[in-house]
Structure formats: structure tokens, C-alpha cells
mmCIF file of all heavy atoms, coordinates in Angstrom:
data_MODEL
# 
_entry.id   MODEL 
# 
loop_
_atom_site.group_PDB 
_atom_site.id 
_atom_site.type_symbol 
_atom_site.label_atom_id 
_atom_site.label_alt_id 
_atom_site.label_comp_id 
_atom_site.label_asym_id 
_atom_site.label_entity_id 
_atom_site.label_seq_id 
_atom_site.pdbx_PDB_ins_code 
_atom_site.Cartn_x 
_atom_site.Cartn_y 
_atom_site.Cartn_z 
_atom_site.occupancy 
_atom_site.B_iso_or_equiv 
_atom_site.pdbx_formal_charge 
_atom_site.auth_seq_id 
_atom_site.auth_comp_id 
_atom_site.auth_asym_id 
_atom_site.auth_atom_id 
_atom_site.pdbx_PDB_model_num 
ATOM 1   N N   . LEU A 1 1  ? 82.197  -1.764  16.311 1.00 0.00 ? 1  LEU A N   1 
ATOM 2   C CA  . LEU A 1 1  ? 81.191  -1.020  17.062 1.00 0.00 ? 1  LEU A CA  1 
ATOM 3   C C   . LEU A 1 1  ? 81.515  0.461   17.107 1.00 0.00 ? 1  LEU A C   1 
ATOM 4   O O   . LEU A 1 1  ? 80.636  1.293   16.921 1.00 0.00 ? 1  LEU A O   1 
ATOM 5   C CB  . LEU A 1 1  ? 81.143  -1.594  18.500 1.00 0.00 ? 1  LEU A CB  1 
ATOM 6   C CG  . LEU A 1 1  ? 80.252  -0.874  19.507 1.00 0.00 ? 1  LEU A CG  1 
ATOM 7   C CD1 . LEU A 1 1  ? 78.772  -0.902  19.050 1.00 0.00 ? 1  LEU A CD1 1 
ATOM 8   C CD2 . LEU A 1 1  ? 80.392  -1.487  20.900 1.00 0.00 ? 1  LEU A CD2 1 
ATOM 9   N N   . ILE A 1 2  ? 82.769  0.794   17.327 1.00 0.00 ? 2  ILE A N   1 
ATOM 10  C CA  . ILE A 1 2  ? 83.216  2.194   17.350 1.00 0.00 ? 2  ILE A CA  1 
ATOM 11  C C   . ILE A 1 2  ? 82.957  2.864   16.001 1.00 0.00 ? 2  ILE A C   1 
ATOM 12  O O   . ILE A 1 2  ? 82.440  3.972   15.937 1.00 0.00 ? 2  ILE A O   1 
ATOM 13  C CB  . ILE A 1 2  ? 84.716  2.272   17.718 1.00 0.00 ? 2  ILE A CB  1 
ATOM 14  C CG1 . ILE A 1 2  ? 84.935  1.859   19.180 1.00 0.00 ? 2  ILE A CG1 1 
ATOM 15  C CG2 . ILE A 1 2  ? 85.248  3.681   17.483 1.00 0.00 ? 2  ILE A CG2 1 
ATOM 16  C CD1 . ILE A 1 2  ? 86.368  1.559   19.526 1.00 0.00 ? 2  ILE A CD1 1 
ATOM 17  N N   . ASP A 1 3  ? 83.282  2.143   14.930 1.00 0.00 ? 3  ASP A N   1 
ATOM 18  C CA  . ASP A 1 3  ? 83.137  2.708   13.575 1.00 0.00 ? 3  ASP A CA  1 
ATOM 19  C C   . ASP A 1 3  ? 81.669  2.988   13.224 1.00 0.00 ? 3  ASP A C   1 
ATOM 20  O O   . ASP A 1 3  ? 81.375  3.873   12.426 1.00 0.00 ? 3  ASP A O   1 
ATOM 21  C CB  . ASP A 1 3  ? 83.721  1.764   12.526 1.00 0.00 ? 3  ASP A CB  1 
ATOM 22  C CG  . ASP A 1 3  ? 85.249  1.734   12.585 1.00 0.00 ? 3  ASP A CG  1 
ATOM 23  O OD1 . ASP A 1 3  ? 85.827  2.664   13.155 1.00 0.00 ? 3  ASP A OD1 1 
ATOM 24  O OD2 . ASP A 1 3  ? 85.832  0.760   12.070 1.00 0.00 ? 3  ASP A OD2 1 
ATOM 25  N N   . ARG A 1 4  ? 80.753  2.284   13.869 1.00 0.00 ? 4  ARG A N   1 
ATOM 26  C CA  . ARG A 1 4  ? 79.308  2.506   13.604 1.00 0.00 ? 4  ARG A CA  1 
ATOM 27  C C   . ARG A 1 4  ? 78.730  3.565   14.480 1.00 0.00 ? 4  ARG A C   1 
ATOM 28  O O   . ARG A 1 4  ? 77.549  3.939   14.307 1.00 0.00 ? 4  ARG A O   1 
ATOM 29  C CB  . ARG A 1 4  ? 78.505  1.210   13.842 1.00 0.00 ? 4  ARG A CB  1 
ATOM 30  C CG  . ARG A 1 4  ? 78.873  0.060   12.902 1.00 0.00 ? 4  ARG A CG  1 
ATOM 31  C CD  . ARG A 1 4  ? 77.812  -1.054  12.966 1.00 0.00 ? 4  ARG A CD  1 
ATOM 32  N NE  . ARG A 1 4  ? 77.610  -1.551  14.333 1.00 0.00 ? 4  ARG A NE  1 
ATOM 33  C CZ  . ARG A 1 4  ? 78.250  -2.605  14.839 1.00 0.00 ? 4  ARG A CZ  1 
ATOM 34  N NH1 . ARG A 1 4  ? 79.143  -3.262  14.098 1.00 0.00 ? 4  ARG A NH1 1 
ATOM 35  N NH2 . ARG A 1 4  ? 77.993  -3.036  16.057 1.00 0.00 ? 4  ARG A NH2 1 
ATOM 36  N N   . SER A 1 5  ? 79.501  4.036   15.440 1.00 0.00 ? 5  SER A N   1 
ATOM 37  C CA  . SER A 1 5  ? 78.990  4.984   16.450 1.00 0.00 ? 5  SER A CA  1 
ATOM 38  C C   . SER A 1 5  ? 79.554  6.395   16.280 1.00 0.00 ? 5  SER A C   1 
ATOM 39  O O   . SER A 1 5  ? 80.640  6.587   15.738 1.00 0.00 ? 5  SER A O   1 
ATOM 40  C CB  . SER A 1 5  ? 79.329  4.458   17.835 1.00 0.00 ? 5  SER A CB  1 
ATOM 41  O OG  . SER A 1 5  ? 79.085  5.393   18.827 1.00 0.00 ? 5  SER A OG  1 
ATOM 42  N N   . GLU A 1 6  ? 78.803  7.367   16.768 1.00 0.00 ? 6  GLU A N   1 
ATOM 43  C CA  . GLU A 1 6  ? 79.276  8.750   16.788 1.00 0.00 ? 6  GLU A CA  1 
ATOM 44  C C   . GLU A 1 6  ? 80.441  8.937   17.735 1.00 0.00 ? 6  GLU A C   1 
ATOM 45  O O   . GLU A 1 6  ? 81.136  9.956   17.678 1.00 0.00 ? 6  GLU A O   1 
ATOM 46  C CB  . GLU A 1 6  ? 78.140  9.704   17.155 1.00 0.00 ? 6  GLU A CB  1 
ATOM 47  C CG  . GLU A 1 6  ? 77.262  10.113  16.005 1.00 0.00 ? 6  GLU A CG  1 
ATOM 48  C CD  . GLU A 1 6  ? 78.051  10.837  14.918 1.00 0.00 ? 6  GLU A CD  1 
ATOM 49  O OE1 . GLU A 1 6  ? 78.778  11.797  15.214 1.00 0.00 ? 6  GLU A OE1 1 
ATOM 50  O OE2 . GLU A 1 6  ? 77.964  10.398  13.749 1.00 0.00 ? 6  GLU A OE2 1 
ATOM 51  N N   . ILE A 1 7  ? 80.662  7.975   18.607 1.00 0.00 ? 7  ILE A N   1 
ATOM 52  C CA  . ILE A 1 7  ? 81.729  8.111   19.650 1.00 0.00 ? 7  ILE A CA  1 
ATOM 53  C C   . ILE A 1 7  ? 83.060  8.338   18.979 1.00 0.00 ? 7  ILE A C   1 
ATOM 54  O O   . ILE A 1 7  ? 83.955  8.983   19.559 1.00 0.00 ? 7  ILE A O   1 
ATOM 55  C CB  . ILE A 1 7  ? 81.755  6.881   20.567 1.00 0.00 ? 7  ILE A CB  1 
ATOM 56  C CG1 . ILE A 1 7  ? 82.645  7.134   21.778 1.00 0.00 ? 7  ILE A CG1 1 
ATOM 57  C CG2 . ILE A 1 7  ? 82.179  5.658   19.819 1.00 0.00 ? 7  ILE A CG2 1 
ATOM 58  C CD1 . ILE A 1 7  ? 82.165  8.241   22.675 1.00 0.00 ? 7  ILE A CD1 1 
ATOM 59  N N   . LYS A 1 8  ? 83.254  7.823   17.752 1.00 0.00 ? 8  LYS A N   1 
ATOM 60  C CA  . LYS A 1 8  ? 84.565  7.969   17.086 1.00 0.00 ? 8  LYS A CA  1 
ATOM 61  C C   . LYS A 1 8  ? 84.909  9.433   16.821 1.00 0.00 ? 8  LYS A C   1 
ATOM 62  O O   . LYS A 1 8  ? 86.068  9.773   16.606 1.00 0.00 ? 8  LYS A O   1 
ATOM 63  C CB  . LYS A 1 8  ? 84.594  7.175   15.785 1.00 0.00 ? 8  LYS A CB  1 
ATOM 64  C CG  . LYS A 1 8  ? 83.643  7.663   14.720 1.00 0.00 ? 8  LYS A CG  1 
ATOM 65  C CD  . LYS A 1 8  ? 83.744  6.770   13.488 1.00 0.00 ? 8  LYS A CD  1 
ATOM 66  C CE  . LYS A 1 8  ? 82.801  7.230   12.374 1.00 0.00 ? 8  LYS A CE  1 
ATOM 67  N NZ  . LYS A 1 8  ? 81.370  7.005   12.717 1.00 0.00 ? 8  LYS A NZ  1 
ATOM 68  N N   . ASN A 1 9  ? 83.903  10.310  16.812 1.00 0.00 ? 9  ASN A N   1 
ATOM 69  C CA  . ASN A 1 9  ? 84.118  11.739  16.613 1.00 0.00 ? 9  ASN A CA  1 
ATOM 70  C C   . ASN A 1 9  ? 84.191  12.519  17.918 1.00 0.00 ? 9  ASN A C   1 
ATOM 71  O O   . ASN A 1 9  ? 84.433  13.726  17.903 1.00 0.00 ? 9  ASN A O   1 
ATOM 72  C CB  . ASN A 1 9  ? 83.000  12.304  15.738 1.00 0.00 ? 9  ASN A CB  1 
ATOM 73  C CG  . ASN A 1 9  ? 82.917  11.637  14.384 1.00 0.00 ? 9  ASN A CG  1 
ATOM 74  O OD1 . ASN A 1 9  ? 83.940  11.413  13.725 1.00 0.00 ? 9  ASN A OD1 1 
ATOM 75  N ND2 . ASN A 1 9  ? 81.721  11.318  13.929 1.00 0.00 ? 9  ASN A ND2 1 
ATOM 76  N N   . GLN A 1 10 ? 83.968  11.843  19.025 1.00 0.00 ? 10 GLN A N   1 
ATOM 77  C CA  . GLN A 1 10 ? 83.872  12.523  20.345 1.00 0.00 ? 10 GLN A CA  1 
ATOM 78  C C   . GLN A 1 10 ? 85.058  12.239  21.269 1.00 0.00 ? 10 GLN A C   1 
ATOM 79  O O   . GLN A 1 10 ? 85.269  13.006  22.210 1.00 0.00 ? 10 GLN A O   1 
ATOM 80  C CB  . GLN A 1 10 ? 82.557  12.104  21.010 1.00 0.00 ? 10 GLN A CB  1 
ATOM 81  C CG  . GLN A 1 10 ? 81.335  12.515  20.194 1.00 0.00 ? 10 GLN A CG  1 
ATOM 82  C CD  . GLN A 1 10 ? 80.052  11.869  20.708 1.00 0.00 ? 10 GLN A CD  1 
ATOM 83  O OE1 . GLN A 1 10 ? 80.096  10.812  21.361 1.00 0.00 ? 10 GLN A OE1 1 
ATOM 84  N NE2 . GLN A 1 10 ? 78.928  12.485  20.441 1.00 0.00 ? 10 GLN A NE2 1 
ATOM 85  N N   . VAL A 1 11 ? 85.794  11.188  20.977 1.00 0.00 ? 11 VAL A N   1 
ATOM 86  C CA  . VAL A 1 11 ? 86.991  10.866  21.797 1.00 0.00 ? 11 VAL A CA  1 
ATOM 87  C C   . VAL A 1 11 ? 88.054  10.354  20.806 1.00 0.00 ? 11 VAL A C   1 
ATOM 88  O O   . VAL A 1 11 ? 87.831  10.291  19.596 1.00 0.00 ? 11 VAL A O   1 
ATOM 89  C CB  . VAL A 1 11 ? 86.707  9.786   22.854 1.00 0.00 ? 11 VAL A CB  1 
ATOM 90  C CG1 . VAL A 1 11 ? 85.734  10.285  23.920 1.00 0.00 ? 11 VAL A CG1 1 
ATOM 91  C CG2 . VAL A 1 11 ? 86.150  8.508   22.194 1.00 0.00 ? 11 VAL A CG2 1 
ATOM 92  N N   . ASN A 1 12 ? 89.221  10.008  21.352 1.00 0.00 ? 12 ASN A N   1 
ATOM 93  C CA  . ASN A 1 12 ? 90.305  9.493   20.501 1.00 0.00 ? 12 ASN A CA  1 
ATOM 94  C C   . ASN A 1 12 ? 90.538  8.019   20.886 1.00 0.00 ? 12 ASN A C   1 
ATOM 95  O O   . ASN A 1 12 ? 90.788  7.704   22.044 1.00 0.00 ? 12 ASN A O   1 
ATOM 96  C CB  . ASN A 1 12 ? 91.581  10.303  20.696 1.00 0.00 ? 12 ASN A CB  1 
ATOM 97  C CG  . ASN A 1 12 ? 92.693  9.828   19.785 1.00 0.00 ? 12 ASN A CG  1 
ATOM 98  O OD1 . ASN A 1 12 ? 92.443  9.371   18.686 1.00 0.00 ? 12 ASN A OD1 1 
ATOM 99  N ND2 . ASN A 1 12 ? 93.931  9.951   20.238 1.00 0.00 ? 12 ASN A ND2 1 
ATOM 100 N N   . PHE A 1 13 ? 90.479  7.135   19.879 1.00 0.00 ? 13 PHE A N   1 
ATOM 101 C CA  . PHE A 1 13 ? 90.810  5.732   20.081 1.00 0.00 ? 13 PHE A CA  1 
ATOM 102 C C   . PHE A 1 13 ? 92.146  5.423   19.414 1.00 0.00 ? 13 PHE A C   1 
ATOM 103 O O   . PHE A 1 13 ? 92.458  5.955   18.355 1.00 0.00 ? 13 PHE A O   1 
ATOM 104 C CB  . PHE A 1 13 ? 89.728  4.836   19.465 1.00 0.00 ? 13 PHE A CB  1 
ATOM 105 C CG  . PHE A 1 13 ? 88.438  4.794   20.218 1.00 0.00 ? 13 PHE A CG  1 
ATOM 106 C CD1 . PHE A 1 13 ? 87.385  5.594   19.833 1.00 0.00 ? 13 PHE A CD1 1 
ATOM 107 C CD2 . PHE A 1 13 ? 88.261  3.970   21.342 1.00 0.00 ? 13 PHE A CD2 1 
ATOM 108 C CE1 . PHE A 1 13 ? 86.178  5.576   20.518 1.00 0.00 ? 13 PHE A CE1 1 
ATOM 109 C CE2 . PHE A 1 13 ? 87.085  3.936   22.030 1.00 0.00 ? 13 PHE A CE2 1 
ATOM 110 C CZ  . PHE A 1 13 ? 86.027  4.726   21.617 1.00 0.00 ? 13 PHE A CZ  1 
ATOM 111 N N   . MET A 1 14 ? 92.908  4.529   20.053 1.00 0.00 ? 14 MET A N   1 
ATOM 112 C CA  . MET A 1 14 ? 94.157  4.089   19.460 1.00 0.00 ? 14 MET A CA  1 
ATOM 113 C C   . MET A 1 14 ? 94.408  2.638   19.832 1.00 0.00 ? 14 MET A C   1 
ATOM 114 O O   . MET A 1 14 ? 94.127  2.208   20.951 1.00 0.00 ? 14 MET A O   1 
ATOM 115 C CB  . MET A 1 14 ? 95.326  4.960   19.882 1.00 0.00 ? 14 MET A CB  1 
ATOM 116 C CG  . MET A 1 14 ? 95.711  4.863   21.360 1.00 0.00 ? 14 MET A CG  1 
ATOM 117 S SD  . MET A 1 14 ? 97.186  5.829   21.756 1.00 0.00 ? 14 MET A SD  1 
ATOM 118 C CE  . MET A 1 14 ? 96.558  7.483   21.574 1.00 0.00 ? 14 MET A CE  1 
ATOM 119 N N   . ALA A 1 15 ? 94.910  1.852   18.878 1.00 0.00 ? 15 ALA A N   1 
ATOM 120 C CA  . ALA A 1 15 ? 95.288  0.485   19.123 1.00 0.00 ? 15 ALA A CA  1 
ATOM 121 C C   . ALA A 1 15 ? 96.716  0.489   19.629 1.00 0.00 ? 15 ALA A C   1 
ATOM 122 O O   . ALA A 1 15 ? 97.633  0.914   18.917 1.00 0.00 ? 15 ALA A O   1 
ATOM 123 C CB  . ALA A 1 15 ? 95.163  -0.343  17.862 1.00 0.00 ? 15 ALA A CB  1 
ATOM 124 N N   . SER A 1 16 ? 96.937  0.063   20.864 1.00 0.00 ? 16 SER A N   1 
ATOM 125 C CA  . SER A 1 16 ? 98.285  0.058   21.405 1.00 0.00 ? 16 SER A CA  1 
ATOM 126 C C   . SER A 1 16 ? 98.948  -1.329  21.321 1.00 0.00 ? 16 SER A C   1 
ATOM 127 O O   . SER A 1 16 ? 100.128 -1.471  21.588 1.00 0.00 ? 16 SER A O   1 
ATOM 128 C CB  . SER A 1 16 ? 98.286  0.510   22.892 1.00 0.00 ? 16 SER A CB  1 
ATOM 129 O OG  . SER A 1 16 ? 97.250  -0.117  23.597 1.00 0.00 ? 16 SER A OG  1 
ATOM 130 N N   . SER A 1 17 ? 98.184  -2.356  20.915 1.00 0.00 ? 17 SER A N   1 
ATOM 131 C CA  . SER A 1 17 ? 98.682  -3.678  20.612 1.00 0.00 ? 17 SER A CA  1 
ATOM 132 C C   . SER A 1 17 ? 97.563  -4.469  19.943 1.00 0.00 ? 17 SER A C   1 
ATOM 133 O O   . SER A 1 17 ? 96.438  -3.959  19.771 1.00 0.00 ? 17 SER A O   1 
ATOM 134 C CB  . SER A 1 17 ? 99.136  -4.403  21.888 1.00 0.00 ? 17 SER A CB  1 
ATOM 135 O OG  . SER A 1 17 ? 98.037  -4.865  22.630 1.00 0.00 ? 17 SER A OG  1 
ATOM 136 N N   . LEU A 1 18 ? 97.816  -5.714  19.582 1.00 0.00 ? 18 LEU A N   1 
ATOM 137 C CA  . LEU A 1 18 ? 96.775  -6.571  19.017 1.00 0.00 ? 18 LEU A CA  1 
ATOM 138 C C   . LEU A 1 18 ? 95.690  -6.856  20.050 1.00 0.00 ? 18 LEU A C   1 
ATOM 139 O O   . LEU A 1 18 ? 94.567  -7.210  19.681 1.00 0.00 ? 18 LEU A O   1 
ATOM 140 C CB  . LEU A 1 18 ? 97.371  -7.867  18.535 1.00 0.00 ? 18 LEU A CB  1 
ATOM 141 C CG  . LEU A 1 18 ? 98.311  -7.794  17.313 1.00 0.00 ? 18 LEU A CG  1 
ATOM 142 C CD1 . LEU A 1 18 ? 98.945  -9.173  17.063 1.00 0.00 ? 18 LEU A CD1 1 
ATOM 143 C CD2 . LEU A 1 18 ? 97.558  -7.316  16.086 1.00 0.00 ? 18 LEU A CD2 1 
ATOM 144 N N   . TRP A 1 19 ? 96.020  -6.703  21.331 1.00 0.00 ? 19 TRP A N   1 
ATOM 145 C CA  . TRP A 1 19 ? 95.099  -7.092  22.402 1.00 0.00 ? 19 TRP A CA  1 
ATOM 146 C C   . TRP A 1 19 ? 94.516  -5.919  23.146 1.00 0.00 ? 19 TRP A C   1 
ATOM 147 O O   . TRP A 1 19 ? 93.770  -6.094  24.110 1.00 0.00 ? 19 TRP A O   1 
ATOM 148 C CB  . TRP A 1 19 ? 95.847  -7.987  23.409 1.00 0.00 ? 19 TRP A CB  1 
ATOM 149 C CG  . TRP A 1 19 ? 96.443  -9.187  22.753 1.00 0.00 ? 19 TRP A CG  1 
ATOM 150 C CD1 . TRP A 1 19 ? 95.827  -10.383 22.518 1.00 0.00 ? 19 TRP A CD1 1 
ATOM 151 C CD2 . TRP A 1 19 ? 97.767  -9.315  22.222 1.00 0.00 ? 19 TRP A CD2 1 
ATOM 152 N NE1 . TRP A 1 19 ? 96.675  -11.243 21.871 1.00 0.00 ? 19 TRP A NE1 1 
ATOM 153 C CE2 . TRP A 1 19 ? 97.875  -10.617 21.674 1.00 0.00 ? 19 TRP A CE2 1 
ATOM 154 C CE3 . TRP A 1 19 ? 98.871  -8.489  22.148 1.00 0.00 ? 19 TRP A CE3 1 
ATOM 155 C CZ2 . TRP A 1 19 ? 99.045  -11.100 21.070 1.00 0.00 ? 19 TRP A CZ2 1 
ATOM 156 C CZ3 . TRP A 1 19 ? 100.023 -8.933  21.521 1.00 0.00 ? 19 TRP A CZ3 1 
ATOM 157 C CH2 . TRP A 1 19 ? 100.088 -10.203 21.000 1.00 0.00 ? 19 TRP A CH2 1 
ATOM 158 N N   . THR A 1 20 ? 94.806  -4.698  22.747 1.00 0.00 ? 20 THR A N   1 
ATOM 159 C CA  . THR A 1 20 ? 94.335  -3.535  23.479 1.00 0.00 ? 20 THR A CA  1 
ATOM 160 C C   . THR A 1 20 ? 93.855  -2.391  22.568 1.00 0.00 ? 20 THR A C   1 
ATOM 161 O O   . THR A 1 20 ? 94.457  -2.129  21.551 1.00 0.00 ? 20 THR A O   1 
ATOM 162 C CB  . THR A 1 20 ? 95.445  -2.954  24.387 1.00 0.00 ? 20 THR A CB  1 
ATOM 163 O OG1 . THR A 1 20 ? 96.645  -2.723  23.603 1.00 0.00 ? 20 THR A OG1 1 
ATOM 164 C CG2 . THR A 1 20 ? 95.762  -3.882  25.543 1.00 0.00 ? 20 THR A CG2 1 
ATOM 165 N N   . MET A 1 21 ? 92.779  -1.786  23.006 1.00 0.00 ? 21 MET A N   1 
ATOM 166 C CA  . MET A 1 21 ? 92.288  -0.552  22.404 1.00 0.00 ? 21 MET A CA  1 
ATOM 167 C C   . MET A 1 21 ? 92.186  0.477   23.520 1.00 0.00 ? 21 MET A C   1 
ATOM 168 O O   . MET A 1 21 ? 91.612  0.179   24.586 1.00 0.00 ? 21 MET A O   1 
ATOM 169 C CB  . MET A 1 21 ? 90.898  -0.767  21.753 1.00 0.00 ? 21 MET A CB  1 
ATOM 170 C CG  . MET A 1 21 ? 90.314  0.478   21.151 1.00 0.00 ? 21 MET A CG  1 
ATOM 171 S SD  . MET A 1 21 ? 91.131  1.004   19.611 1.00 0.00 ? 21 MET A SD  1 
ATOM 172 C CE  . MET A 1 21 ? 90.497  -0.248  18.490 1.00 0.00 ? 21 MET A CE  1 
ATOM 173 N N   . GLU A 1 22 ? 92.742  1.676   23.296 1.00 0.00 ? 22 GLU A N   1 
ATOM 174 C CA  . GLU A 1 22 ? 92.699  2.706   24.335 1.00 0.00 ? 22 GLU A CA  1 
ATOM 175 C C   . GLU A 1 22 ? 91.843  3.873   23.898 1.00 0.00 ? 22 GLU A C   1 
ATOM 176 O O   . GLU A 1 22 ? 91.767  4.208   22.702 1.00 0.00 ? 22 GLU A O   1 
ATOM 177 C CB  . GLU A 1 22 ? 94.132  3.174   24.647 1.00 0.00 ? 22 GLU A CB  1 
ATOM 178 C CG  . GLU A 1 22 ? 95.018  2.053   25.099 1.00 0.00 ? 22 GLU A CG  1 
ATOM 179 C CD  . GLU A 1 22 ? 96.326  2.528   25.725 1.00 0.00 ? 22 GLU A CD  1 
ATOM 180 O OE1 . GLU A 1 22 ? 96.410  3.725   26.052 1.00 0.00 ? 22 GLU A OE1 1 
ATOM 181 O OE2 . GLU A 1 22 ? 97.234  1.710   25.901 1.00 0.00 ? 22 GLU A OE2 1 
ATOM 182 N N   . MET A 1 23 ? 91.173  4.466   24.870 1.00 0.00 ? 23 MET A N   1 
ATOM 183 C CA  . MET A 1 23 ? 90.342  5.628   24.635 1.00 0.00 ? 23 MET A CA  1 
ATOM 184 C C   . MET A 1 23 ? 90.836  6.811   25.463 1.00 0.00 ? 23 MET A C   1 
ATOM 185 O O   . MET A 1 23 ? 91.051  6.674   26.658 1.00 0.00 ? 23 MET A O   1 
ATOM 186 C CB  . MET A 1 23 ? 88.891  5.327   24.970 1.00 0.00 ? 23 MET A CB  1 
ATOM 187 C CG  . MET A 1 23 ? 87.922  6.488   24.745 1.00 0.00 ? 23 MET A CG  1 
ATOM 188 S SD  . MET A 1 23 ? 86.184  6.068   25.097 1.00 0.00 ? 23 MET A SD  1 
ATOM 189 C CE  . MET A 1 23 ? 86.207  6.068   26.880 1.00 0.00 ? 23 MET A CE  1 
ATOM 190 N N   . LEU A 1 24 ? 91.042  7.950   24.812 1.00 0.00 ? 24 LEU A N   1 
ATOM 191 C CA  . LEU A 1 24 ? 91.454  9.175   25.499 1.00 0.00 ? 24 LEU A CA  1 
ATOM 192 C C   . LEU A 1 24 ? 90.496  10.288  25.085 1.00 0.00 ? 24 LEU A C   1 
ATOM 193 O O   . LEU A 1 24 ? 89.635  10.089  24.215 1.00 0.00 ? 24 LEU A O   1 
ATOM 194 C CB  . LEU A 1 24 ? 92.882  9.554   25.135 1.00 0.00 ? 24 LEU A CB  1 
ATOM 195 C CG  . LEU A 1 24 ? 93.960  8.582   25.577 1.00 0.00 ? 24 LEU A CG  1 
ATOM 196 C CD1 . LEU A 1 24 ? 94.337  7.674   24.420 1.00 0.00 ? 24 LEU A CD1 1 
ATOM 197 C CD2 . LEU A 1 24 ? 95.183  9.304   26.083 1.00 0.00 ? 24 LEU A CD2 1 
ATOM 198 N N   . ALA A 1 25 ? 90.627  11.431  25.708 1.00 0.00 ? 25 ALA A N   1 
ATOM 199 C CA  . ALA A 1 25 ? 89.812  12.587  25.323 1.00 0.00 ? 25 ALA A CA  1 
ATOM 200 C C   . ALA A 1 25 ? 90.070  12.959  23.856 1.00 0.00 ? 25 ALA A C   1 
ATOM 201 O O   . ALA A 1 25 ? 91.137  12.621  23.300 1.00 0.00 ? 25 ALA A O   1 
ATOM 202 C CB  . ALA A 1 25 ? 90.124  13.778  26.230 1.00 0.00 ? 25 ALA A CB  1 
ATOM 203 N N   . LYS A 1 26 ? 89.146  13.644  23.249 1.00 0.00 ? 26 LYS A N   1 
ATOM 204 C CA  . LYS A 1 26 ? 89.290  14.014  21.855 1.00 0.00 ? 26 LYS A CA  1 
ATOM 205 C C   . LYS A 1 26 ? 90.569  14.856  21.637 1.00 0.00 ? 26 LYS A C   1 
ATOM 206 O O   . LYS A 1 26 ? 90.920  15.681  22.435 1.00 0.00 ? 26 LYS A O   1 
ATOM 207 C CB  . LYS A 1 26 ? 88.068  14.849  21.414 1.00 0.00 ? 26 LYS A CB  1 
ATOM 208 C CG  . LYS A 1 26 ? 88.058  15.174  19.921 1.00 0.00 ? 26 LYS A CG  1 
ATOM 209 C CD  . LYS A 1 26 ? 86.766  15.919  19.556 1.00 0.00 ? 26 LYS A CD  1 
ATOM 210 C CE  . LYS A 1 26 ? 86.780  16.239  18.069 1.00 0.00 ? 26 LYS A CE  1 
ATOM 211 N NZ  . LYS A 1 26 ? 85.551  16.966  17.645 1.00 0.00 ? 26 LYS A NZ  1 
ATOM 212 N N   . ASP A 1 27 ? 91.271  14.537  20.531 1.00 0.00 ? 27 ASP A N   1 
ATOM 213 C CA  . ASP A 1 27 ? 92.476  15.256  20.159 1.00 0.00 ? 27 ASP A CA  1 
ATOM 214 C C   . ASP A 1 27 ? 93.611  15.075  21.171 1.00 0.00 ? 27 ASP A C   1 
ATOM 215 O O   . ASP A 1 27 ? 94.513  15.922  21.254 1.00 0.00 ? 27 ASP A O   1 
ATOM 216 C CB  . ASP A 1 27 ? 92.207  16.734  19.907 1.00 0.00 ? 27 ASP A CB  1 
ATOM 217 C CG  . ASP A 1 27 ? 91.222  16.969  18.779 1.00 0.00 ? 27 ASP A CG  1 
ATOM 218 O OD1 . ASP A 1 27 ? 91.257  16.209  17.805 1.00 0.00 ? 27 ASP A OD1 1 
ATOM 219 O OD2 . ASP A 1 27 ? 90.421  17.922  18.873 1.00 0.00 ? 27 ASP A OD2 1 
ATOM 220 N N   . THR A 1 28 ? 93.564  14.021  21.956 1.00 0.00 ? 28 THR A N   1 
ATOM 221 C CA  . THR A 1 28 ? 94.574  13.780  22.961 1.00 0.00 ? 28 THR A CA  1 
ATOM 222 C C   . THR A 1 28 ? 95.417  12.564  22.574 1.00 0.00 ? 28 THR A C   1 
ATOM 223 O O   . THR A 1 28 ? 94.882  11.495  22.300 1.00 0.00 ? 28 THR A O   1 
ATOM 224 C CB  . THR A 1 28 ? 93.922  13.552  24.352 1.00 0.00 ? 28 THR A CB  1 
ATOM 225 O OG1 . THR A 1 28 ? 93.209  14.705  24.719 1.00 0.00 ? 28 THR A OG1 1 
ATOM 226 C CG2 . THR A 1 28 ? 94.981  13.274  25.411 1.00 0.00 ? 28 THR A CG2 1 
ATOM 227 N N   . HIS A 1 29 ? 96.735  12.759  22.576 1.00 0.00 ? 29 HIS A N   1 
ATOM 228 C CA  . HIS A 1 29 ? 97.671  11.694  22.292 1.00 0.00 ? 29 HIS A CA  1 
ATOM 229 C C   . HIS A 1 29 ? 99.057  12.200  22.774 1.00 0.00 ? 29 HIS A C   1 
ATOM 230 O O   . HIS A 1 29 ? 99.170  13.323  23.298 1.00 0.00 ? 29 HIS A O   1 
ATOM 231 C CB  . HIS A 1 29 ? 97.722  11.331  20.816 1.00 0.00 ? 29 HIS A CB  1 
ATOM 232 C CG  . HIS A 1 29 ? 97.795  12.538  19.905 1.00 0.00 ? 29 HIS A CG  1 
ATOM 233 N ND1 . HIS A 1 29 ? 98.964  13.268  19.679 1.00 0.00 ? 29 HIS A ND1 1 
ATOM 234 C CD2 . HIS A 1 29 ? 96.830  13.150  19.147 1.00 0.00 ? 29 HIS A CD2 1 
ATOM 235 C CE1 . HIS A 1 29 ? 98.726  14.256  18.844 1.00 0.00 ? 29 HIS A CE1 1 
ATOM 236 N NE2 . HIS A 1 29 ? 97.429  14.228  18.497 1.00 0.00 ? 29 HIS A NE2 1 
ATOM 237 N N   . LYS A 1 30 ? 100.083 11.373  22.652 1.00 0.00 ? 30 LYS A N   1 
ATOM 238 C CA  . LYS A 1 30 ? 101.413 11.757  23.128 1.00 0.00 ? 30 LYS A CA  1 
ATOM 239 C C   . LYS A 1 30 ? 101.864 13.088  22.529 1.00 0.00 ? 30 LYS A C   1 
ATOM 240 O O   . LYS A 1 30 ? 102.478 13.926  23.208 1.00 0.00 ? 30 LYS A O   1 
ATOM 241 C CB  . LYS A 1 30 ? 102.425 10.671  22.797 1.00 0.00 ? 30 LYS A CB  1 
ATOM 242 C CG  . LYS A 1 30 ? 102.269 9.387   23.589 1.00 0.00 ? 30 LYS A CG  1 
ATOM 243 C CD  . LYS A 1 30 ? 103.313 8.380   23.137 1.00 0.00 ? 30 LYS A CD  1 
ATOM 244 C CE  . LYS A 1 30 ? 103.204 7.035   23.875 1.00 0.00 ? 30 LYS A CE  1 
ATOM 245 N NZ  . LYS A 1 30 ? 104.155 6.037   23.368 1.00 0.00 ? 30 LYS A NZ  1 
# 
């Protein structure tokens, strides 16, 4: 769903495990 949406260019997604997907502000990570 994320890959089909413009949202992937507006925030930052990261897989933190097989069971979790996290969303942060764009260009935000550790």
C-alpha cells in the first residue's frame, strides 16, 4: 500500500522487525 502511494515520498518508513513498520517524519532516522 505504501509503495503505491505518494506517502512514501512524504515521510520515512522503516521495518524494525518482521512484525513492525514504523513511520517518522521525512528524512528522520537515528
